[in-house]
Amino acid sequence: MKTFLLTLEYLPFKGGVANYYSHLVKYWPGEIKVVTGPELLQKKYLIPWLAAFFKLKAILKKNPAALILIGQVLPLGTVAWLNYLIKPYKYAVFLHGMDFSFALKTGHKTYLMDKALAKADKIICANSYVADLLKKWRPAYTSKILIANPGIDDQVVVTDTLLREKYHSTGKTILLSLGRLVERKGVDYVLKALALLDDELSDQILYLVAGTGEAEKRLKSLALNLKTQVIFTGEVSEPEKWALLDLCDIFIMPAREINGDFEGFGIVYLEANLCGKPVIAGRSGGVSDAVSHNESGLLVDPEDISEIGAAIKNLVASKTEQERLGTQGRQRALADFKWSNQITKLYNDL
């Protein structure tokens, strides 16, 4: 069956959703065509997404038996629903997390999302947390739900073997946070937890914070008076990302939910595991799909600074535990989360 993916986020657009769809296309077992960019949104229309409506209408006219994958429930779900009213066809809608929770905040968006999901053949949730939210909101949609977690490629690229010298970290346990510096990622709570550690333990730790974002200035101010050494690396390239994941001893990102904004999955947890590193993660959003507590890392209450601190203390104190969780995490990542396996399973379920 010929498949079309309509998405507003695709390479070279950066972010987890664009990455998700690029891998979906890469590993899709059948024929698939991506429709994105100006084909879907055009300012010449009073309503820019009318371009998507007419584009989808033209696709269905030439390919009436095609499967249509809708990358964003709004506004593209509306486009899918309106075309369905003209002539029924088979389509599936993706839900990642914030797209669902934000749509529920306003009446007209909730209405349009509901209409789009009602006519969809399948609803593909990127994590079990969103699937559970959807089931609670509309139990009737339960039979339509598929869960397709993001995955990993099993190629690890490490290009810099001198980072320990660069950061003067010999003999220290390196904690790493990596990602966009926004409040919900939990770097602020890591800094507050480090402030509670005793002097001897603080001296053993180097905390690297990789990335940039709106919270960067505030985070740097929180780090000023810490006994623990903290280095903000700034933005990192893809090879630098893998080098840092290879360098660190523990990856930490206790992400939390803030006003409906939550971590949909957290592919970086799996990437850290792929490098054989244990992770400390926040028990929120879709993170519990990515991290298995006491198997690939430790799940903590992301709003409990003392619990975050205890997890740090326990792992820093035990190289054996670091190695156990890191080894098991790598095995789990390779066994359960390869992109090729994830996409093939989704293809077979549609």
Protein backbone atom coordinates (compact mmCIF):
# COMPACT_ATOMS: atom_id res chain seq x y z
CA MET A 1 0.00 0.00 0.00
CA LYS A 2 1.31 3.44 -0.91
CA THR A 3 1.68 5.68 2.14
CA PHE A 4 1.85 9.46 2.49
CA LEU A 5 3.15 11.25 5.58
CA LEU A 6 1.88 14.80 6.07
CA THR A 7 3.92 16.64 8.69
CA LEU A 8 4.81 20.21 9.60
CA GLU A 9 8.06 19.04 11.25
CA TYR A 10 10.64 17.26 9.15
CA LEU A 11 14.34 17.54 8.36
CA PRO A 12 16.14 19.93 8.24
CA PHE A 13 13.78 21.11 11.00
CA LYS A 14 15.38 20.23 14.35
CA GLY A 15 13.68 18.52 17.26
CA GLY A 16 12.38 15.19 18.50
CA VAL A 17 9.29 15.11 16.27
CA ALA A 18 11.27 15.80 13.09
CA ASN A 19 13.78 13.15 14.13
CA TYR A 20 10.94 10.69 14.79
CA TYR A 21 9.48 11.16 11.31
CA SER A 22 12.81 11.04 9.52
CA HIS A 23 13.47 7.62 11.04
CA LEU A 24 9.94 6.48 10.29
CA VAL A 25 10.57 7.23 6.61
CA LYS A 26 14.07 5.71 6.68
CA TYR A 27 12.85 2.37 8.00
CA TRP A 28 9.34 2.22 6.49
CA PRO A 29 9.09 -1.22 4.81
CA GLY A 30 6.88 -0.02 1.95
CA GLU A 31 6.57 2.96 -0.35
CA ILE A 32 6.19 6.26 1.53
CA LYS A 33 6.21 9.88 0.42
CA VAL A 34 6.69 12.87 2.72
CA VAL A 35 4.58 15.98 2.19
CA THR A 36 5.81 18.95 4.21
CA GLY A 37 6.81 22.62 4.11
CA PRO A 38 5.05 25.07 1.76
CA GLU A 39 2.88 22.29 0.36
CA LEU A 40 0.98 22.33 3.66
CA LEU A 41 1.03 25.96 4.82
CA GLN A 42 0.73 28.96 2.49
CA LYS A 43 0.15 32.57 3.52
CA LYS A 44 -1.75 33.32 0.33
CA TYR A 45 -4.76 31.67 1.96
CA LEU A 46 -6.74 33.41 4.68
CA ILE A 47 -6.28 30.17 6.62
CA PRO A 48 -2.72 28.95 5.76
CA TRP A 49 -3.51 25.26 6.31
CA LEU A 50 -6.02 25.34 3.45
CA ALA A 51 -2.97 24.54 1.31
CA ALA A 52 -2.78 21.20 3.15
CA PHE A 53 -6.49 20.59 2.54
CA PHE A 54 -6.14 21.02 -1.21
CA LYS A 55 -2.88 19.04 -1.32
CA LEU A 56 -4.44 16.09 0.50
CA LYS A 57 -7.52 16.27 -1.70
CA ALA A 58 -5.30 16.01 -4.79
CA ILE A 59 -3.34 13.08 -3.30
CA LEU A 60 -6.52 11.15 -2.54
CA LYS A 61 -7.90 11.77 -6.03
CA LYS A 62 -4.82 10.11 -7.57
CA ASN A 63 -4.34 7.53 -4.79
CA PRO A 64 -7.76 6.63 -3.32
CA ALA A 65 -6.42 3.48 -1.65
CA ALA A 66 -3.42 5.15 -0.02
CA LEU A 67 -2.78 5.21 3.72
CA ILE A 68 -2.41 8.77 5.00
CA LEU A 69 -0.31 9.41 8.11
CA ILE A 70 -1.08 12.71 9.83
CA GLY A 71 1.89 14.11 11.73
CA GLN A 72 0.11 16.83 13.74
CA VAL A 73 -3.41 16.45 15.06
CA LEU A 74 -3.81 20.25 14.70
CA PRO A 75 -4.09 21.65 12.15
CA LEU A 76 -3.45 18.64 9.90
CA GLY A 77 -5.98 16.47 11.69
CA THR A 78 -8.63 19.01 10.73
CA VAL A 79 -7.49 18.71 7.11
CA ALA A 80 -7.77 14.92 7.32
CA TRP A 81 -11.25 15.08 8.85
CA LEU A 82 -12.61 17.55 6.28
CA ASN A 83 -11.35 15.41 3.41
CA TYR A 84 -12.91 12.36 5.06
CA LEU A 85 -16.29 14.12 5.05
CA ILE A 86 -16.00 14.53 1.28
CA LYS A 87 -15.06 10.88 0.76
CA PRO A 88 -14.03 8.34 3.43
CA TYR A 89 -10.47 6.99 3.29
CA LYS A 90 -7.93 5.41 5.63
CA TYR A 91 -5.82 7.69 7.80
CA ALA A 92 -3.91 7.53 11.08
CA VAL A 93 -3.03 10.40 13.42
CA PHE A 94 0.11 10.72 15.55
CA LEU A 95 0.02 12.11 19.10
CA HIS A 96 3.30 12.95 20.83
CA GLY A 97 2.29 14.66 24.07
CA MET A 98 2.08 18.43 24.17
CA ASP A 99 0.02 18.43 20.97
CA PHE A 100 -2.67 16.52 22.87
CA SER A 101 -2.48 18.35 26.21
CA PHE A 102 -2.40 21.81 24.61
CA ALA A 103 -5.39 21.03 22.37
CA LEU A 104 -7.44 20.24 25.48
CA LYS A 105 -6.88 23.75 26.85
CA THR A 106 -9.29 25.46 24.42
CA GLY A 107 -12.78 24.46 23.40
CA HIS A 108 -12.54 24.84 19.63
CA LYS A 109 -9.20 22.97 19.49
CA THR A 110 -10.63 20.15 21.59
CA TYR A 111 -13.60 19.96 19.22
CA LEU A 112 -11.42 19.79 16.10
CA MET A 113 -9.07 17.23 17.62
CA ASP A 114 -12.01 15.05 18.63
CA LYS A 115 -13.45 15.17 15.12
CA ALA A 116 -10.09 14.22 13.60
CA LEU A 117 -9.53 11.32 15.98
CA ALA A 118 -13.12 10.04 15.65
CA LYS A 119 -12.69 9.33 11.93
CA ALA A 120 -9.10 8.09 12.14
CA ASP A 121 -8.53 4.39 11.56
CA LYS A 122 -5.67 4.38 14.09
CA ILE A 123 -4.25 6.79 16.67
CA ILE A 124 -0.49 6.37 17.06
CA CYS A 125 0.80 7.49 20.46
CA ALA A 126 4.53 8.05 20.88
CA ASN A 127 4.37 6.86 24.49
CA SER A 128 2.10 5.00 26.88
CA TYR A 129 1.52 8.12 29.01
CA VAL A 130 -0.26 9.89 26.15
CA ALA A 131 -2.12 6.68 25.35
CA ASP A 132 -3.41 6.54 28.94
CA LEU A 133 -4.44 10.21 28.84
CA LEU A 134 -6.33 9.58 25.62
CA LYS A 135 -8.09 6.52 27.03
CA LYS A 136 -9.25 8.49 30.06
CA TRP A 137 -10.48 11.36 27.90
CA ARG A 138 -12.24 9.20 25.28
CA PRO A 139 -12.50 5.53 26.32
CA ALA A 140 -14.20 4.77 23.00
CA TYR A 141 -10.89 5.37 21.19
CA THR A 142 -9.04 2.66 23.12
CA SER A 143 -9.32 0.05 20.36
CA LYS A 144 -7.74 2.45 17.85
CA ILE A 145 -4.61 3.17 19.86
CA LEU A 146 -1.15 1.98 18.84
CA ILE A 147 1.99 2.85 20.80
CA ALA A 148 5.13 3.51 18.75
CA ASN A 149 8.00 4.74 20.92
CA PRO A 150 10.92 6.58 19.38
CA GLY A 151 13.93 4.38 18.80
CA ILE A 152 17.69 4.39 18.43
CA ASP A 153 20.21 3.60 15.74
CA ASP A 154 22.87 1.29 17.08
CA GLN A 155 25.72 3.36 15.66
CA VAL A 156 27.56 5.33 18.35
CA VAL A 157 29.90 8.03 17.02
CA VAL A 158 32.65 9.07 19.43
CA THR A 159 35.21 11.52 18.05
CA ASP A 160 36.97 13.11 21.04
CA THR A 161 38.97 10.96 23.45
CA LEU A 162 40.63 13.91 25.22
CA LEU A 163 37.59 15.39 26.92
CA ARG A 164 38.66 14.38 30.42
CA GLU A 165 41.79 16.47 29.99
CA LYS A 166 39.78 19.33 28.49
CA TYR A 167 37.46 19.49 31.48
CA HIS A 168 40.15 18.60 34.06
CA SER A 169 37.94 15.76 35.21
CA THR A 170 40.43 12.98 35.89
CA GLY A 171 39.42 11.08 39.01
CA LYS A 172 35.98 12.66 39.19
CA THR A 173 32.53 11.21 38.60
CA ILE A 174 31.00 13.07 35.66
CA LEU A 175 27.29 13.84 35.66
CA LEU A 176 25.85 15.04 32.34
CA SER A 177 22.63 16.78 31.37
CA LEU A 178 22.14 17.30 27.67
CA GLY A 179 19.31 19.02 25.81
CA ARG A 180 17.53 22.31 25.41
CA LEU A 181 17.81 24.32 28.61
CA VAL A 182 14.18 24.83 29.54
CA GLU A 183 12.65 24.64 32.99
CA ARG A 184 10.91 21.29 32.62
CA LYS A 185 14.18 19.44 31.90
CA GLY A 186 15.03 19.65 35.62
CA VAL A 187 18.59 20.97 35.52
CA ASP A 188 17.60 23.54 38.17
CA TYR A 189 16.60 20.76 40.56
CA VAL A 190 19.84 18.90 39.90
CA LEU A 191 21.76 22.03 40.88
CA LYS A 192 19.66 22.38 44.04
CA ALA A 193 20.25 18.71 44.88
CA LEU A 194 24.01 19.11 44.41
CA ALA A 195 23.94 22.02 46.85
CA LEU A 196 22.73 19.63 49.56
CA LEU A 197 25.60 17.15 49.17
CA ASP A 198 28.38 17.09 51.74
CA ASP A 199 31.72 18.65 50.84
CA GLU A 200 33.55 15.37 50.35
CA LEU A 201 31.01 14.07 47.83
CA SER A 202 30.77 17.44 46.08
CA ASP A 203 34.51 17.38 45.45
CA GLN A 204 34.17 14.05 43.65
CA ILE A 205 31.66 15.33 41.09
CA LEU A 206 31.92 17.32 37.87
CA TYR A 207 28.55 18.32 36.42
CA LEU A 208 28.46 19.08 32.69
CA VAL A 209 25.40 20.87 31.29
CA ALA A 210 25.29 20.70 27.50
CA GLY A 211 22.90 22.80 25.44
CA THR A 212 21.41 26.26 25.30
CA GLY A 213 17.97 27.69 25.94
CA GLU A 214 15.80 30.22 27.68
CA ALA A 215 16.65 28.98 31.19
CA GLU A 216 20.43 29.17 30.72
CA LYS A 217 20.99 32.50 32.51
CA ARG A 218 18.96 31.42 35.55
CA LEU A 219 20.71 28.04 35.71
CA LYS A 220 24.14 29.65 35.63
CA SER A 221 23.16 31.89 38.54
CA LEU A 222 22.05 28.83 40.53
CA ALA A 223 25.43 27.22 39.92
CA LEU A 224 27.53 30.17 41.11
CA ASN A 225 27.89 29.20 44.76
CA LEU A 226 28.02 25.42 44.42
CA LYS A 227 30.94 23.47 45.83
CA THR A 228 30.43 20.98 43.01
CA GLN A 229 32.18 22.05 39.82
CA VAL A 230 29.64 22.87 37.10
CA ILE A 231 30.53 23.56 33.47
CA PHE A 232 28.07 24.81 30.86
CA THR A 233 29.39 23.61 27.50
CA GLY A 234 27.01 25.60 25.30
CA GLU A 235 25.51 24.15 22.14
CA VAL A 236 27.04 20.87 20.99
CA SER A 237 27.16 19.18 17.61
CA GLU A 238 25.98 15.61 16.99
CA PRO A 239 29.52 14.14 17.24
CA GLU A 240 30.15 16.22 20.39
CA LYS A 241 26.91 14.89 21.88
CA TRP A 242 28.07 11.30 21.49
CA ALA A 243 31.52 12.15 22.82
CA LEU A 244 29.97 13.65 25.96
CA LEU A 245 27.68 10.65 26.44
CA ASP A 246 30.74 8.41 26.14
CA LEU A 247 32.67 10.59 28.60
CA CYS A 248 30.11 10.83 31.39
CA ASP A 249 29.62 8.32 34.17
CA ILE A 250 25.96 9.15 34.87
CA PHE A 251 23.37 10.85 32.69
CA ILE A 252 20.80 12.90 34.62
CA MET A 253 17.65 14.68 33.47
CA PRO A 254 14.83 14.67 36.06
CA ALA A 255 12.24 16.12 33.67
CA ARG A 256 8.96 17.28 35.19
CA GLU A 257 5.56 18.40 33.94
CA ILE A 258 4.81 22.13 33.99
CA ASN A 259 1.36 23.39 32.94
CA GLY A 260 0.76 20.50 30.55
CA ASP A 261 4.29 20.68 29.09
CA PHE A 262 6.03 17.35 29.66
CA GLU A 263 8.71 15.09 28.26
CA GLY A 264 7.04 12.97 25.62
CA PHE A 265 9.66 10.22 25.79
CA GLY A 266 13.29 11.32 26.10
CA ILE A 267 15.35 9.62 23.41
CA VAL A 268 18.53 10.92 25.06
CA TYR A 269 17.99 8.48 27.94
CA LEU A 270 18.26 5.60 25.47
CA GLU A 271 21.26 7.21 23.79
CA ALA A 272 23.01 7.36 27.17
CA ASN A 273 22.10 3.72 27.79
CA LEU A 274 23.44 2.84 24.34
CA CYS A 275 26.78 4.23 25.52
CA GLY A 276 26.55 1.97 28.58
CA LYS A 277 25.69 4.75 31.01
CA PRO A 278 23.08 4.65 33.81
CA VAL A 279 20.50 7.42 33.89
CA ILE A 280 18.62 9.35 36.54
CA ALA A 281 15.26 10.47 35.18
CA GLY A 282 12.08 12.14 36.36
CA ARG A 283 9.00 10.01 36.78
CA SER A 284 6.76 12.13 34.55
CA GLY A 285 5.25 12.20 31.07
CA GLY A 286 6.40 9.41 28.78
CA VAL A 287 9.78 8.96 30.49
CA SER A 288 8.77 5.66 32.07
CA ASP A 289 8.70 4.13 28.58
CA ALA A 290 12.30 5.19 27.98
CA VAL A 291 13.70 4.34 31.42
CA SER A 292 13.05 1.13 33.33
CA HIS A 293 13.51 1.78 37.05
CA ASN A 294 16.36 -0.16 38.62
CA GLU A 295 17.05 -1.84 35.26
CA SER A 296 18.43 0.92 33.02
CA GLY A 297 18.51 3.72 35.56
CA LEU A 298 16.69 5.31 38.47
CA LEU A 299 13.32 7.04 38.24
CA VAL A 300 12.82 9.76 40.84
CA ASP A 301 10.14 12.21 41.83
CA PRO A 302 11.29 15.16 39.69
CA GLU A 303 9.98 17.68 42.21
CA ASP A 304 11.69 16.12 45.22
CA ILE A 305 15.18 17.58 45.53
CA SER A 306 16.15 15.21 48.33
CA GLU A 307 15.18 12.17 46.24
CA ILE A 308 17.20 13.46 43.29
CA GLY A 309 20.13 14.01 45.64
CA ALA A 310 19.84 10.51 47.09
CA ALA A 311 19.90 8.98 43.60
CA ILE A 312 23.03 10.97 42.74
CA LYS A 313 24.70 9.96 46.01
CA ASN A 314 23.88 6.28 45.57
CA LEU A 315 25.27 6.06 42.05
CA VAL A 316 28.35 8.19 42.69
CA ALA A 317 29.18 5.97 45.66
CA SER A 318 28.93 2.72 43.71
CA LYS A 319 30.84 2.05 40.49
CA THR A 320 29.36 -1.45 40.58
CA GLU A 321 25.84 -0.04 40.45
CA GLN A 322 26.81 2.35 37.67
CA GLU A 323 28.14 -0.55 35.63
CA ARG A 324 25.14 -2.78 36.34
CA LEU A 325 22.57 -0.20 35.25
CA GLY A 326 24.67 0.92 32.30
CA THR A 327 25.17 -2.60 31.00
CA GLN A 328 21.53 -3.55 31.46
CA GLY A 329 20.45 -0.27 29.91
CA ARG A 330 22.50 -0.93 26.79
CA GLN A 331 21.12 -4.44 26.47
CA ARG A 332 17.54 -3.14 26.83
CA ALA A 333 18.06 -0.32 24.34
CA LEU A 334 19.39 -2.69 21.69
CA ALA A 335 16.79 -5.38 22.34
CA ASP A 336 13.67 -3.22 22.56
CA PHE A 337 14.25 0.13 20.88
CA LYS A 338 15.98 -0.23 17.53
CA TRP A 339 14.33 2.09 15.02
CA SER A 340 14.09 -0.67 12.42
CA ASN A 341 12.13 -2.89 14.82
CA GLN A 342 9.90 -0.05 16.06
CA ILE A 343 8.86 1.04 12.57
CA THR A 344 8.38 -2.50 11.22
CA LYS A 345 6.06 -3.27 14.14
CA LEU A 346 4.07 -0.08 13.52
CA TYR A 347 3.84 -0.90 9.79
CA ASN A 348 2.49 -4.37 10.57
CA ASP A 349 -0.09 -3.02 13.05
CA LEU A 350 -1.57 -0.41 10.74
